[in-house]
Amino acid sequence: MDTTWAERTAIITGGAAGLGLATAQRLLRHGTRVALMDAREENLARAREHLGTAVLTEAVDVSDESAVASAVDRIAGQWGRIDILINNAGIMYIGMTEAYSVAQAAEQMDTNYFGAIRAMQAVLPSMRAAGSGLIINTSSIAGRVSVPFFG
């Protein structure tokens, strides 16, 4: 086991499926305490089935500032601190530009951009108090590659 990650506490937003779940598995193998935050309770239930009681799960939509702050407080309260934040929550509307509304575009920005800021603001006080911390922000290749009909 790599002791670099052992005894650390990590929060993964959008952590109950895909890349977030794979990251959780990897961190758990290295002895990291992992909390998953995900807006979809069904994803969290599947993650709990898969990972067992080794993880904390919080049903949190990162577009809800008070829900993010409350979840981070509960996690820090249980484990004493937050060492790692992995911002992985994200949504993507696929289609031609005129196929989705401005409200949907705003929802996407609220989750993908402002959601990451909310999570960072919630964990930074704990990280500052500890004198250390690691924040990893994931993104999609869709921001760098132009694909036809992805408005």
N, C-alpha and C. Protein backbone atom coordinates (compact mmCIF):
# COMPACT_ATOMS: atom_id res chain seq x y z
N MET A 1 0.84 -1.18 0.00
CA MET A 1 0.00 0.00 0.00
C MET A 1 0.89 1.25 0.00
N ASP A 2 0.54 2.19 -0.83
CA ASP A 2 1.24 3.46 -0.90
C ASP A 2 0.79 4.33 0.28
N THR A 3 1.66 4.62 1.21
CA THR A 3 1.29 5.36 2.41
C THR A 3 1.05 6.84 2.15
N THR A 4 1.36 7.33 0.95
CA THR A 4 1.09 8.71 0.60
C THR A 4 -0.40 9.02 0.76
N TRP A 5 -1.24 8.07 0.42
CA TRP A 5 -2.68 8.27 0.43
C TRP A 5 -3.35 7.71 1.67
N ALA A 6 -2.66 6.87 2.42
CA ALA A 6 -3.25 6.23 3.61
C ALA A 6 -3.59 7.28 4.66
N GLU A 7 -4.68 7.04 5.34
CA GLU A 7 -5.13 7.90 6.43
C GLU A 7 -5.53 9.30 5.97
N ARG A 8 -5.71 9.49 4.70
CA ARG A 8 -6.19 10.77 4.18
C ARG A 8 -7.70 10.67 3.98
N THR A 9 -8.34 11.82 3.91
CA THR A 9 -9.78 11.89 3.69
C THR A 9 -10.02 12.59 2.37
N ALA A 10 -10.78 11.94 1.49
CA ALA A 10 -11.07 12.51 0.17
C ALA A 10 -12.58 12.62 -0.03
N ILE A 11 -12.97 13.69 -0.68
CA ILE A 11 -14.34 13.86 -1.15
C ILE A 11 -14.28 13.85 -2.67
N ILE A 12 -15.17 13.08 -3.28
CA ILE A 12 -15.28 13.05 -4.74
C ILE A 12 -16.69 13.47 -5.11
N THR A 13 -16.82 14.63 -5.78
CA THR A 13 -18.14 15.03 -6.28
C THR A 13 -18.40 14.26 -7.57
N GLY A 14 -19.65 13.94 -7.82
CA GLY A 14 -19.96 13.10 -8.98
C GLY A 14 -19.24 11.77 -8.84
N GLY A 15 -19.12 11.30 -7.61
CA GLY A 15 -18.26 10.17 -7.32
C GLY A 15 -18.90 8.80 -7.37
N ALA A 16 -20.18 8.72 -7.67
CA ALA A 16 -20.86 7.44 -7.54
C ALA A 16 -20.93 6.63 -8.83
N ALA A 17 -20.33 7.12 -9.89
CA ALA A 17 -20.36 6.39 -11.17
C ALA A 17 -19.16 6.80 -12.00
N GLY A 18 -18.86 6.03 -13.01
CA GLY A 18 -17.83 6.37 -13.98
C GLY A 18 -16.47 6.64 -13.38
N LEU A 19 -15.84 7.73 -13.83
CA LEU A 19 -14.50 8.10 -13.39
C LEU A 19 -14.45 8.32 -11.88
N GLY A 20 -15.48 8.92 -11.31
CA GLY A 20 -15.51 9.16 -9.87
C GLY A 20 -15.48 7.87 -9.08
N LEU A 21 -16.27 6.89 -9.51
CA LEU A 21 -16.31 5.59 -8.82
C LEU A 21 -14.97 4.86 -8.97
N ALA A 22 -14.39 4.90 -10.15
CA ALA A 22 -13.09 4.25 -10.37
C ALA A 22 -12.02 4.91 -9.51
N THR A 23 -12.07 6.23 -9.37
CA THR A 23 -11.13 6.93 -8.52
C THR A 23 -11.32 6.52 -7.06
N ALA A 24 -12.58 6.41 -6.63
CA ALA A 24 -12.87 5.98 -5.26
C ALA A 24 -12.28 4.59 -4.99
N GLN A 25 -12.46 3.69 -5.92
CA GLN A 25 -11.91 2.33 -5.76
C GLN A 25 -10.40 2.38 -5.58
N ARG A 26 -9.75 3.17 -6.38
CA ARG A 26 -8.29 3.27 -6.33
C ARG A 26 -7.82 3.87 -5.01
N LEU A 27 -8.48 4.93 -4.57
CA LEU A 27 -8.10 5.55 -3.32
C LEU A 27 -8.34 4.61 -2.13
N LEU A 28 -9.44 3.90 -2.16
CA LEU A 28 -9.73 2.96 -1.07
C LEU A 28 -8.66 1.89 -0.98
N ARG A 29 -8.17 1.41 -2.12
CA ARG A 29 -7.10 0.40 -2.11
C ARG A 29 -5.83 0.93 -1.47
N HIS A 30 -5.66 2.25 -1.48
CA HIS A 30 -4.46 2.86 -0.90
C HIS A 30 -4.69 3.35 0.53
N GLY A 31 -5.84 3.01 1.10
CA GLY A 31 -6.09 3.35 2.49
C GLY A 31 -6.68 4.72 2.75
N THR A 32 -7.16 5.37 1.70
CA THR A 32 -7.79 6.68 1.84
C THR A 32 -9.24 6.51 2.27
N ARG A 33 -9.68 7.35 3.20
CA ARG A 33 -11.10 7.40 3.56
C ARG A 33 -11.79 8.19 2.45
N VAL A 34 -12.89 7.66 1.92
CA VAL A 34 -13.54 8.27 0.76
C VAL A 34 -14.99 8.58 1.05
N ALA A 35 -15.38 9.81 0.71
CA ALA A 35 -16.78 10.22 0.75
C ALA A 35 -17.21 10.58 -0.66
N LEU A 36 -18.32 10.02 -1.07
CA LEU A 36 -18.85 10.28 -2.41
C LEU A 36 -20.02 11.25 -2.30
N MET A 37 -19.99 12.30 -3.10
CA MET A 37 -21.12 13.21 -3.21
C MET A 37 -21.65 13.07 -4.63
N ASP A 38 -22.95 12.83 -4.72
CA ASP A 38 -23.56 12.65 -6.04
C ASP A 38 -25.01 13.10 -5.95
N ALA A 39 -25.51 13.70 -7.01
CA ALA A 39 -26.89 14.17 -7.03
C ALA A 39 -27.88 13.03 -7.19
N ARG A 40 -27.43 11.89 -7.67
CA ARG A 40 -28.35 10.78 -7.96
C ARG A 40 -28.25 9.70 -6.88
N GLU A 41 -29.32 9.57 -6.11
CA GLU A 41 -29.35 8.58 -5.04
C GLU A 41 -29.21 7.16 -5.60
N GLU A 42 -29.75 6.91 -6.78
CA GLU A 42 -29.62 5.56 -7.36
C GLU A 42 -28.16 5.22 -7.66
N ASN A 43 -27.38 6.20 -8.08
CA ASN A 43 -25.94 5.97 -8.29
C ASN A 43 -25.25 5.70 -6.96
N LEU A 44 -25.62 6.45 -5.93
CA LEU A 44 -25.03 6.25 -4.61
C LEU A 44 -25.36 4.86 -4.07
N ALA A 45 -26.59 4.41 -4.28
CA ALA A 45 -26.98 3.07 -3.82
C ALA A 45 -26.14 2.00 -4.51
N ARG A 46 -25.94 2.14 -5.83
CA ARG A 46 -25.10 1.17 -6.56
C ARG A 46 -23.66 1.23 -6.07
N ALA A 47 -23.17 2.44 -5.79
CA ALA A 47 -21.79 2.59 -5.30
C ALA A 47 -21.65 1.90 -3.94
N ARG A 48 -22.65 2.06 -3.06
CA ARG A 48 -22.60 1.41 -1.75
C ARG A 48 -22.62 -0.11 -1.90
N GLU A 49 -23.42 -0.61 -2.83
CA GLU A 49 -23.44 -2.06 -3.10
C GLU A 49 -22.07 -2.54 -3.56
N HIS A 50 -21.44 -1.74 -4.40
CA HIS A 50 -20.15 -2.11 -4.99
C HIS A 50 -19.00 -1.95 -4.00
N LEU A 51 -18.99 -0.85 -3.24
CA LEU A 51 -17.87 -0.52 -2.37
C LEU A 51 -18.10 -0.91 -0.91
N GLY A 52 -19.34 -1.19 -0.57
CA GLY A 52 -19.66 -1.57 0.80
C GLY A 52 -19.64 -0.37 1.74
N THR A 53 -19.41 -0.66 3.00
CA THR A 53 -19.45 0.39 4.01
C THR A 53 -18.14 1.17 4.11
N ALA A 54 -17.23 0.92 3.20
CA ALA A 54 -15.93 1.61 3.23
C ALA A 54 -16.05 3.08 2.86
N VAL A 55 -17.18 3.48 2.30
CA VAL A 55 -17.34 4.87 1.87
C VAL A 55 -18.52 5.52 2.58
N LEU A 56 -18.41 6.82 2.72
CA LEU A 56 -19.56 7.63 3.12
C LEU A 56 -20.22 8.10 1.83
N THR A 57 -21.52 8.21 1.83
CA THR A 57 -22.19 8.74 0.66
C THR A 57 -23.11 9.87 1.08
N GLU A 58 -23.14 10.89 0.27
CA GLU A 58 -23.97 12.07 0.50
C GLU A 58 -24.70 12.40 -0.79
N ALA A 59 -26.04 12.42 -0.72
CA ALA A 59 -26.85 12.83 -1.87
C ALA A 59 -26.83 14.36 -1.93
N VAL A 60 -26.00 14.89 -2.80
CA VAL A 60 -25.79 16.34 -2.88
C VAL A 60 -25.73 16.77 -4.33
N ASP A 61 -26.51 17.79 -4.65
CA ASP A 61 -26.42 18.44 -5.95
C ASP A 61 -25.48 19.63 -5.76
N VAL A 62 -24.37 19.65 -6.48
CA VAL A 62 -23.37 20.71 -6.28
C VAL A 62 -23.88 22.09 -6.66
N SER A 63 -25.07 22.17 -7.26
CA SER A 63 -25.64 23.49 -7.54
C SER A 63 -26.35 24.07 -6.32
N ASP A 64 -26.41 23.31 -5.23
CA ASP A 64 -27.04 23.75 -3.98
C ASP A 64 -25.95 24.07 -2.95
N GLU A 65 -25.66 25.35 -2.79
CA GLU A 65 -24.54 25.78 -1.94
C GLU A 65 -24.68 25.28 -0.50
N SER A 66 -25.86 25.39 0.08
CA SER A 66 -26.02 24.97 1.48
C SER A 66 -25.91 23.46 1.62
N ALA A 67 -26.37 22.70 0.63
CA ALA A 67 -26.24 21.24 0.68
C ALA A 67 -24.78 20.82 0.60
N VAL A 68 -24.00 21.49 -0.24
CA VAL A 68 -22.57 21.19 -0.35
C VAL A 68 -21.88 21.49 0.97
N ALA A 69 -22.12 22.66 1.52
CA ALA A 69 -21.49 23.05 2.78
C ALA A 69 -21.87 22.11 3.91
N SER A 70 -23.14 21.73 3.99
CA SER A 70 -23.60 20.81 5.05
C SER A 70 -22.95 19.45 4.91
N ALA A 71 -22.86 18.94 3.70
CA ALA A 71 -22.25 17.63 3.47
C ALA A 71 -20.77 17.65 3.85
N VAL A 72 -20.06 18.69 3.46
CA VAL A 72 -18.64 18.81 3.80
C VAL A 72 -18.48 18.89 5.32
N ASP A 73 -19.35 19.63 5.97
CA ASP A 73 -19.29 19.72 7.44
C ASP A 73 -19.50 18.35 8.09
N ARG A 74 -20.47 17.58 7.58
CA ARG A 74 -20.72 16.23 8.13
C ARG A 74 -19.51 15.32 7.93
N ILE A 75 -18.92 15.37 6.75
CA ILE A 75 -17.76 14.52 6.45
C ILE A 75 -16.58 14.93 7.33
N ALA A 76 -16.31 16.21 7.41
CA ALA A 76 -15.20 16.70 8.25
C ALA A 76 -15.48 16.37 9.72
N GLY A 77 -16.73 16.45 10.13
CA GLY A 77 -17.08 16.12 11.50
C GLY A 77 -16.84 14.66 11.82
N GLN A 78 -17.11 13.79 10.85
CA GLN A 78 -16.91 12.36 11.08
C GLN A 78 -15.44 11.98 11.04
N TRP A 79 -14.67 12.54 10.11
CA TRP A 79 -13.29 12.12 9.93
C TRP A 79 -12.26 13.16 10.39
N GLY A 80 -12.72 14.29 10.86
CA GLY A 80 -11.80 15.27 11.44
C GLY A 80 -11.21 16.28 10.48
N ARG A 81 -11.13 15.96 9.22
CA ARG A 81 -10.54 16.90 8.26
C ARG A 81 -10.84 16.43 6.84
N ILE A 82 -10.56 17.32 5.91
CA ILE A 82 -10.66 17.01 4.48
C ILE A 82 -9.28 17.25 3.89
N ASP A 83 -8.68 16.23 3.33
CA ASP A 83 -7.34 16.36 2.74
C ASP A 83 -7.38 16.53 1.23
N ILE A 84 -8.38 15.92 0.59
CA ILE A 84 -8.42 15.87 -0.87
C ILE A 84 -9.84 16.15 -1.34
N LEU A 85 -9.97 17.00 -2.33
CA LEU A 85 -11.24 17.22 -3.02
C LEU A 85 -11.02 16.91 -4.49
N ILE A 86 -11.84 16.04 -5.02
CA ILE A 86 -11.81 15.76 -6.46
C ILE A 86 -13.14 16.22 -7.02
N ASN A 87 -13.11 17.33 -7.75
CA ASN A 87 -14.32 17.86 -8.39
C ASN A 87 -14.53 17.11 -9.70
N ASN A 88 -15.50 16.22 -9.68
CA ASN A 88 -15.76 15.38 -10.83
C ASN A 88 -17.21 15.52 -11.31
N ALA A 89 -18.05 16.19 -10.55
CA ALA A 89 -19.46 16.33 -10.92
C ALA A 89 -19.56 17.11 -12.22
N GLY A 90 -20.42 16.65 -13.10
CA GLY A 90 -20.61 17.36 -14.35
C GLY A 90 -21.79 16.82 -15.13
N ILE A 91 -22.38 17.70 -15.90
CA ILE A 91 -23.46 17.32 -16.81
C ILE A 91 -23.14 17.88 -18.18
N MET A 92 -23.71 17.27 -19.20
CA MET A 92 -23.45 17.74 -20.56
C MET A 92 -24.68 17.50 -21.41
N TYR A 93 -25.17 18.56 -22.00
CA TYR A 93 -26.25 18.43 -22.96
C TYR A 93 -25.62 18.23 -24.33
N ILE A 94 -26.10 17.25 -25.04
CA ILE A 94 -25.54 16.94 -26.35
C ILE A 94 -26.61 17.22 -27.40
N GLY A 95 -26.24 17.99 -28.35
CA GLY A 95 -27.16 18.29 -29.43
C GLY A 95 -26.81 19.61 -30.08
N MET A 96 -27.59 19.94 -31.07
CA MET A 96 -27.38 21.21 -31.76
C MET A 96 -27.75 22.35 -30.83
N THR A 97 -27.12 23.47 -30.99
CA THR A 97 -27.30 24.60 -30.09
C THR A 97 -28.77 24.98 -29.91
N GLU A 98 -29.52 24.98 -30.97
CA GLU A 98 -30.92 25.39 -30.86
C GLU A 98 -31.81 24.30 -30.26
N ALA A 99 -31.23 23.14 -29.97
CA ALA A 99 -32.02 22.03 -29.41
C ALA A 99 -32.17 22.12 -27.90
N TYR A 100 -31.39 22.96 -27.23
CA TYR A 100 -31.55 23.08 -25.79
C TYR A 100 -31.66 24.55 -25.41
N SER A 101 -32.21 24.76 -24.24
CA SER A 101 -32.54 26.12 -23.82
C SER A 101 -31.38 26.81 -23.11
N VAL A 102 -31.51 28.11 -22.97
CA VAL A 102 -30.55 28.89 -22.21
C VAL A 102 -30.58 28.43 -20.76
N ALA A 103 -31.75 28.07 -20.25
CA ALA A 103 -31.85 27.56 -18.87
C ALA A 103 -31.04 26.28 -18.71
N GLN A 104 -31.06 25.41 -19.72
CA GLN A 104 -30.25 24.19 -19.64
C GLN A 104 -28.76 24.52 -19.69
N ALA A 105 -28.38 25.50 -20.50
CA ALA A 105 -26.97 25.92 -20.54
C ALA A 105 -26.56 26.50 -19.18
N ALA A 106 -27.45 27.28 -18.57
CA ALA A 106 -27.17 27.84 -17.24
C ALA A 106 -27.05 26.73 -16.20
N GLU A 107 -27.91 25.72 -16.29
CA GLU A 107 -27.83 24.58 -15.37
C GLU A 107 -26.49 23.85 -15.52
N GLN A 108 -26.05 23.71 -16.75
CA GLN A 108 -24.77 23.05 -17.01
C GLN A 108 -23.62 23.85 -16.39
N MET A 109 -23.62 25.17 -16.56
CA MET A 109 -22.59 26.01 -15.97
C MET A 109 -22.66 25.98 -14.44
N ASP A 110 -23.87 25.96 -13.90
CA ASP A 110 -24.06 25.94 -12.46
C ASP A 110 -23.47 24.67 -11.85
N THR A 111 -23.61 23.56 -12.54
CA THR A 111 -23.05 22.30 -12.05
C THR A 111 -21.56 22.22 -12.35
N ASN A 112 -21.19 22.39 -13.59
CA ASN A 112 -19.81 22.12 -14.01
C ASN A 112 -18.79 23.15 -13.54
N TYR A 113 -19.18 24.40 -13.49
CA TYR A 113 -18.24 25.45 -13.10
C TYR A 113 -18.48 25.93 -11.67
N PHE A 114 -19.68 26.45 -11.42
CA PHE A 114 -19.96 27.00 -10.09
C PHE A 114 -20.03 25.90 -9.03
N GLY A 115 -20.43 24.70 -9.42
CA GLY A 115 -20.43 23.58 -8.47
C GLY A 115 -19.04 23.27 -7.95
N ALA A 116 -18.06 23.33 -8.83
CA ALA A 116 -16.67 23.10 -8.42
C ALA A 116 -16.22 24.20 -7.46
N ILE A 117 -16.60 25.43 -7.73
CA ILE A 117 -16.24 26.54 -6.85
C ILE A 117 -16.90 26.36 -5.48
N ARG A 118 -18.18 25.97 -5.47
CA ARG A 118 -18.86 25.75 -4.18
C ARG A 118 -18.14 24.68 -3.35
N ALA A 119 -17.77 23.59 -4.00
CA ALA A 119 -17.08 22.51 -3.27
C ALA A 119 -15.72 22.98 -2.77
N MET A 120 -15.00 23.74 -3.58
CA MET A 120 -13.71 24.25 -3.13
C MET A 120 -13.87 25.19 -1.95
N GLN A 121 -14.83 26.09 -2.02
CA GLN A 121 -15.05 27.02 -0.92
C GLN A 121 -15.43 26.29 0.36
N ALA A 122 -16.13 25.16 0.24
CA ALA A 122 -16.55 24.40 1.42
C ALA A 122 -15.38 23.67 2.07
N VAL A 123 -14.41 23.18 1.29
CA VAL A 123 -13.30 22.41 1.87
C VAL A 123 -12.10 23.26 2.26
N LEU A 124 -11.95 24.42 1.66
CA LEU A 124 -10.74 25.22 1.90
C LEU A 124 -10.52 25.60 3.37
N PRO A 125 -11.54 25.93 4.15
CA PRO A 125 -11.27 26.23 5.56
C PRO A 125 -10.61 25.06 6.30
N SER A 126 -11.06 23.84 6.05
CA SER A 126 -10.47 22.66 6.68
C SER A 126 -9.03 22.47 6.21
N MET A 127 -8.80 22.67 4.93
CA MET A 127 -7.45 22.51 4.39
C MET A 127 -6.51 23.58 4.94
N ARG A 128 -6.98 24.80 5.04
CA ARG A 128 -6.15 25.88 5.60
C ARG A 128 -5.81 25.58 7.06
N ALA A 129 -6.80 25.11 7.81
CA ALA A 129 -6.56 24.80 9.22
C ALA A 129 -5.52 23.69 9.37
N ALA A 130 -5.53 22.72 8.44
CA ALA A 130 -4.56 21.63 8.48
C ALA A 130 -3.21 22.03 7.90
N GLY A 131 -3.18 23.12 7.16
CA GLY A 131 -1.93 23.55 6.54
C GLY A 131 -1.59 22.79 5.29
N SER A 132 -2.53 22.02 4.77
CA SER A 132 -2.28 21.28 3.53
C SER A 132 -3.60 20.85 2.92
N GLY A 133 -3.52 20.40 1.68
CA GLY A 133 -4.69 19.90 0.98
C GLY A 133 -4.40 19.78 -0.50
N LEU A 134 -5.24 19.02 -1.16
CA LEU A 134 -5.09 18.79 -2.60
C LEU A 134 -6.46 18.90 -3.23
N ILE A 135 -6.57 19.72 -4.27
CA ILE A 135 -7.82 19.86 -5.03
C ILE A 135 -7.52 19.49 -6.47
N ILE A 136 -8.31 18.57 -6.98
CA ILE A 136 -8.18 18.12 -8.37
C ILE A 136 -9.50 18.41 -9.07
N ASN A 137 -9.44 19.17 -10.16
CA ASN A 137 -10.63 19.47 -10.95
C ASN A 137 -10.57 18.70 -12.25
N THR A 138 -11.58 17.87 -12.48
CA THR A 138 -11.64 17.13 -13.74
C THR A 138 -12.48 17.92 -14.73
N SER A 139 -12.35 17.58 -15.98
CA SER A 139 -13.09 18.26 -17.03
C SER A 139 -13.33 17.28 -18.16
N SER A 140 -14.00 17.76 -19.16
CA SER A 140 -14.29 16.95 -20.33
C SER A 140 -13.44 17.41 -21.50
N ILE A 141 -13.08 16.50 -22.32
CA ILE A 141 -12.36 16.83 -23.55
C ILE A 141 -13.24 17.66 -24.49
N ALA A 142 -14.56 17.65 -24.23
CA ALA A 142 -15.49 18.39 -25.08
C ALA A 142 -15.21 19.89 -25.08
N GLY A 143 -14.53 20.38 -24.05
CA GLY A 143 -14.18 21.80 -24.02
C GLY A 143 -13.02 22.15 -24.92
N ARG A 144 -12.30 21.15 -25.42
CA ARG A 144 -11.12 21.41 -26.23
C ARG A 144 -11.25 20.90 -27.66
N VAL A 145 -12.26 20.08 -27.91
CA VAL A 145 -12.41 19.46 -29.23
C VAL A 145 -13.78 19.84 -29.79
N SER A 146 -13.80 20.31 -30.99
CA SER A 146 -15.06 20.64 -31.64
C SER A 146 -15.63 19.40 -32.31
N VAL A 147 -16.86 19.07 -31.91
CA VAL A 147 -17.53 17.89 -32.46
C VAL A 147 -18.82 18.37 -33.15
N PRO A 148 -19.09 17.93 -34.36
CA PRO A 148 -20.31 18.36 -35.03
C PRO A 148 -21.55 18.06 -34.19
N PHE A 149 -22.46 19.02 -34.15
CA PHE A 149 -23.76 18.91 -33.47
C PHE A 149 -23.66 18.89 -31.95
N PHE A 150 -22.51 19.27 -31.39
CA PHE A 150 -22.38 19.47 -29.95
C PHE A 150 -22.33 20.98 -29.74
N GLY A 151 -23.46 21.63 -29.65
CA GLY A 151 -23.52 23.09 -29.58
C GLY A 151 -22.88 23.67 -28.35
